Amino acid sequence: MRFGVDMSRHEQKAQTRQRILEAAGRSFRRGGFGGIGVDGLSKEAGVTSGAFYVHFDSKAAAFGASVVQGVADVVDALRDLQRDHPRHWWAKFVNFYLGERRKCDLAESCGLQSLAPEVARADDASRNAFTAELKKVAETITSATDDPTAPKSMEEAYVALGTLIGAVTLARAVSSSGLADDIASRAERSLLGSTNPASVRRNVAKRKGAKASRERTRAR
């Protein structure tokens, strides 16, 4: 009976830590490292500041752990796609990253994209953690060889990730939705080529929309 009680407390502690970590990840993505303090992180997680310090020595420690989890989520997503779509996973990942993932709320955005600028200003521990996790992402990309369109080397994987992260960063920053879409579509074309089915469908839709607009203009 005592063993069961101890296990329950251990599980509860693990769940509380995970709740703090998820809250910290959302908060750092949304407002950056300097945008929130320990009290704010604790409130976001629904715990006291004292409970926060039971799990993390400082805000910097929570940030470092958030970086690891945020990038690890990318590895998990890649592996799921590689398992479910072995010959077409890369295009699906690129389409998702530049499409649906780009347009999600910043608090739920990809840690690679939203946390990288914060990591660049962070301590060595956070930068080392980010570097190690980024390497895992590149290794995961190059480990799946069934898709002929995916990057084949670590160098190619880093270039592709830089293209994705840079495109999403710029697309999120500009005020014009049209320009944001154009940045994303150009990055997609660079990574997949103009024959990518998703690109073809969007280009056809754009041409049809432009043609309809011209016809409406002439009809006036």
Protein backbone atom coordinates (compact mmCIF):
# COMPACT_ATOMS: atom_id res chain seq x y z
CA MET A 1 0.00 0.00 0.00
CA ARG A 2 2.81 2.36 0.84
CA PHE A 3 4.40 1.63 -2.54
CA GLY A 4 1.16 2.59 -4.31
CA VAL A 5 1.00 5.90 -2.43
CA ASP A 6 4.59 6.73 -3.35
CA MET A 7 3.93 5.92 -7.02
CA SER A 8 0.87 8.16 -6.98
CA ARG A 9 2.87 11.05 -5.56
CA HIS A 10 5.61 10.47 -8.11
CA GLU A 11 3.11 10.53 -10.97
CA GLN A 12 1.46 13.65 -9.59
CA LYS A 13 4.82 15.39 -9.38
CA ALA A 14 5.64 14.39 -12.97
CA GLN A 15 2.27 15.69 -14.17
CA THR A 16 2.77 19.00 -12.37
CA ARG A 17 6.22 19.41 -13.92
CA GLN A 18 4.81 18.68 -17.37
CA ARG A 19 2.02 21.21 -16.84
CA ILE A 20 4.56 23.88 -15.87
CA LEU A 21 6.71 22.96 -18.86
CA GLU A 22 3.81 23.20 -21.31
CA ALA A 23 2.73 26.54 -19.83
CA ALA A 24 6.29 27.84 -20.05
CA GLY A 25 6.55 26.73 -23.68
CA ARG A 26 3.37 28.60 -24.61
CA SER A 27 4.45 31.69 -22.70
CA PHE A 28 7.97 31.85 -24.14
CA ARG A 29 6.65 31.35 -27.68
CA ARG A 30 4.05 34.06 -27.19
CA GLY A 31 6.06 36.74 -25.42
CA GLY A 32 9.70 35.68 -25.47
CA PHE A 33 11.99 34.99 -22.54
CA GLY A 34 11.70 38.55 -21.20
CA GLY A 35 7.94 38.71 -21.64
CA ILE A 36 7.04 36.81 -18.49
CA GLY A 37 8.45 36.07 -15.04
CA VAL A 38 8.23 33.14 -12.65
CA ASP A 39 5.00 34.44 -11.10
CA GLY A 40 3.43 34.67 -14.55
CA LEU A 41 4.63 31.22 -15.54
CA SER A 42 3.26 29.78 -12.31
CA LYS A 43 -0.11 31.41 -12.85
CA GLU A 44 -0.23 30.15 -16.43
CA ALA A 45 0.42 26.62 -15.16
CA GLY A 46 -2.04 26.93 -12.29
CA VAL A 47 0.55 26.42 -9.54
CA THR A 48 2.18 28.57 -6.88
CA SER A 49 5.60 30.14 -7.35
CA GLY A 50 6.85 27.83 -4.61
CA ALA A 51 5.66 24.82 -6.60
CA PHE A 52 7.47 26.17 -9.66
CA TYR A 53 10.77 26.20 -7.79
CA VAL A 54 10.25 22.60 -6.69
CA HIS A 55 10.61 21.62 -10.37
CA PHE A 56 12.88 24.32 -11.83
CA ASP A 57 15.69 26.27 -10.17
CA SER A 58 15.04 29.39 -12.27
CA LYS A 59 13.18 30.81 -15.22
CA ALA A 60 16.26 30.09 -17.34
CA ALA A 61 16.06 26.40 -16.38
CA ALA A 62 12.41 26.27 -17.42
CA PHE A 63 13.31 27.98 -20.69
CA GLY A 64 16.03 25.45 -21.44
CA ALA A 65 13.63 22.57 -20.77
CA SER A 66 11.00 24.23 -22.96
CA VAL A 67 13.51 24.46 -25.80
CA VAL A 68 14.28 20.74 -25.54
CA GLN A 69 10.62 19.76 -25.52
CA GLY A 70 9.69 22.20 -28.29
CA VAL A 71 12.30 20.82 -30.68
CA ALA A 72 11.63 17.22 -29.60
CA ASP A 73 8.02 17.73 -30.71
CA VAL A 74 9.34 18.34 -34.25
CA VAL A 75 11.23 15.03 -34.17
CA ASP A 76 8.05 13.22 -33.08
CA ALA A 77 6.04 14.85 -35.88
CA LEU A 78 8.65 13.89 -38.47
CA ARG A 79 8.73 10.28 -37.30
CA ASP A 80 4.94 10.05 -37.45
CA LEU A 81 4.94 11.30 -41.05
CA GLN A 82 7.79 9.00 -42.01
CA ARG A 83 5.89 6.04 -40.60
CA ASP A 84 2.53 6.91 -42.16
CA HIS A 85 3.76 8.28 -45.52
CA PRO A 86 7.19 6.75 -46.15
CA ARG A 87 7.49 7.84 -49.79
CA HIS A 88 5.86 11.28 -49.51
CA TRP A 89 6.53 12.42 -45.95
CA TRP A 90 8.84 15.32 -46.84
CA ALA A 91 6.31 17.15 -49.03
CA LYS A 92 3.63 16.66 -46.40
CA PHE A 93 5.92 18.09 -43.73
CA VAL A 94 6.89 21.11 -45.84
CA ASN A 95 3.26 21.77 -46.84
CA PHE A 96 2.12 21.53 -43.22
CA TYR A 97 4.96 23.66 -41.85
CA LEU A 98 4.49 26.47 -44.38
CA GLY A 99 0.72 26.24 -44.32
CA GLU A 100 -1.27 25.20 -41.26
CA ARG A 101 1.68 25.40 -38.83
CA ARG A 102 2.60 28.89 -40.02
CA LYS A 103 -0.90 30.20 -39.37
CA CYS A 104 -1.44 28.75 -35.91
CA ASP A 105 -1.45 30.93 -32.80
CA LEU A 106 2.06 32.00 -31.81
CA ALA A 107 1.72 30.32 -28.41
CA GLU A 108 1.24 26.99 -30.20
CA SER A 109 3.84 27.60 -32.92
CA CYS A 110 6.87 25.42 -33.72
CA GLY A 111 9.62 25.73 -31.13
CA LEU A 112 12.26 25.67 -33.85
CA GLN A 113 10.86 28.83 -35.36
CA SER A 114 9.57 30.82 -32.38
CA LEU A 115 12.22 29.94 -29.78
CA ALA A 116 15.35 30.19 -31.96
CA PRO A 117 15.60 34.02 -31.68
CA GLU A 118 15.25 33.74 -27.91
CA VAL A 119 17.89 31.01 -27.74
CA ALA A 120 20.32 33.27 -29.60
CA ARG A 121 20.14 35.67 -26.63
CA ALA A 122 20.04 32.97 -23.94
CA ASP A 123 22.73 31.34 -21.81
CA ASP A 124 25.16 28.69 -23.01
CA ALA A 125 23.14 25.88 -21.46
CA SER A 126 20.06 26.77 -23.52
CA ARG A 127 22.10 27.18 -26.68
CA ASN A 128 23.82 23.84 -26.15
CA ALA A 129 20.44 22.18 -25.58
CA PHE A 130 19.01 23.74 -28.72
CA THR A 131 22.04 22.67 -30.76
CA ALA A 132 21.75 19.06 -29.61
CA GLU A 133 18.03 18.93 -30.36
CA LEU A 134 18.45 20.61 -33.75
CA LYS A 135 20.98 17.93 -34.66
CA LYS A 136 18.39 15.28 -33.78
CA VAL A 137 15.91 16.94 -36.16
CA ALA A 138 18.45 16.92 -39.00
CA GLU A 139 19.36 13.30 -38.25
CA THR A 140 15.70 12.32 -38.28
CA ILE A 141 15.21 14.00 -41.66
CA THR A 142 18.16 12.21 -43.24
CA SER A 143 17.43 8.83 -41.62
CA ALA A 144 14.32 8.17 -43.74
CA THR A 145 15.55 7.21 -47.20
CA ASP A 146 12.34 5.99 -48.88
CA ASP A 147 11.27 9.50 -49.96
CA PRO A 148 13.49 10.57 -52.91
CA THR A 149 12.63 14.27 -52.44
CA ALA A 150 13.87 14.57 -48.84
CA PRO A 151 17.31 16.02 -47.94
CA LYS A 152 19.98 13.35 -48.08
CA SER A 153 22.77 14.89 -45.99
CA MET A 154 23.00 16.80 -42.72
CA GLU A 155 24.09 19.89 -44.65
CA GLU A 156 21.02 19.69 -46.89
CA ALA A 157 18.80 19.16 -43.87
CA TYR A 158 20.15 22.27 -42.12
CA VAL A 159 19.63 24.36 -45.28
CA ALA A 160 16.08 23.07 -45.61
CA LEU A 161 15.32 23.80 -41.95
CA GLY A 162 16.79 27.28 -42.32
CA THR A 163 14.54 27.88 -45.33
CA LEU A 164 11.45 26.71 -43.46
CA ILE A 165 12.20 28.65 -40.28
CA GLY A 166 13.19 31.82 -42.14
CA ALA A 167 10.14 31.73 -44.38
CA VAL A 168 7.73 31.25 -41.48
CA THR A 169 9.46 33.98 -39.46
CA LEU A 170 9.15 36.48 -42.32
CA ALA A 171 5.60 35.43 -43.18
CA ARG A 172 4.52 35.93 -39.57
CA ALA A 173 6.22 39.33 -39.41
CA VAL A 174 4.78 41.03 -42.51
CA SER A 175 1.45 42.85 -42.36
CA SER A 176 0.27 41.70 -45.80
CA SER A 177 -1.37 38.28 -45.91
CA GLY A 178 -0.73 38.17 -49.65
CA LEU A 179 2.98 38.75 -49.16
CA ALA A 180 3.06 36.17 -46.37
CA ASP A 181 1.47 33.59 -48.67
CA ASP A 182 3.92 34.47 -51.43
CA ILE A 183 6.92 34.05 -49.11
CA ALA A 184 5.62 30.65 -48.03
CA SER A 185 4.87 29.48 -51.57
CA ARG A 186 8.29 30.55 -52.83
CA ALA A 187 9.99 28.69 -50.00
CA GLU A 188 7.88 25.64 -50.76
CA ARG A 189 8.83 25.80 -54.42
CA SER A 190 12.49 26.11 -53.48
CA LEU A 191 12.28 22.98 -51.32
CA LEU A 192 9.94 20.84 -53.41
CA GLY A 193 9.98 22.22 -56.93
CA SER A 194 7.18 23.77 -58.97
CA THR A 195 5.68 20.33 -59.73
CA ASN A 196 4.73 19.70 -56.11
CA PRO A 197 0.97 18.87 -56.16
CA ALA A 198 0.09 21.33 -53.40
CA SER A 199 1.95 24.13 -55.20
CA VAL A 200 0.26 23.28 -58.49
CA ARG A 201 -3.19 23.41 -56.87
CA ARG A 202 -2.49 26.77 -55.27
CA ASN A 203 -1.04 28.24 -58.46
CA VAL A 204 -4.06 27.08 -60.45
CA ALA A 205 -6.38 28.62 -57.85
CA LYS A 206 -4.43 31.89 -58.00
CA ARG A 207 -4.63 32.02 -61.78
CA LYS A 208 -8.35 31.33 -61.71
CA GLY A 209 -8.84 34.05 -59.12
CA ALA A 210 -6.82 36.55 -61.14
CA LYS A 211 -8.76 35.69 -64.31
CA ALA A 212 -12.10 36.12 -62.53
CA SER A 213 -10.96 39.47 -61.15
CA ARG A 214 -9.99 40.69 -64.63
CA GLU A 215 -13.33 39.58 -66.04
CA ARG A 216 -15.21 41.42 -63.28
CA THR A 217 -13.19 44.55 -64.00
CA ARG A 218 -13.99 44.40 -67.72
CA ALA A 219 -17.67 43.82 -67.00
CA ARG A 220 -17.96 47.10 -65.06
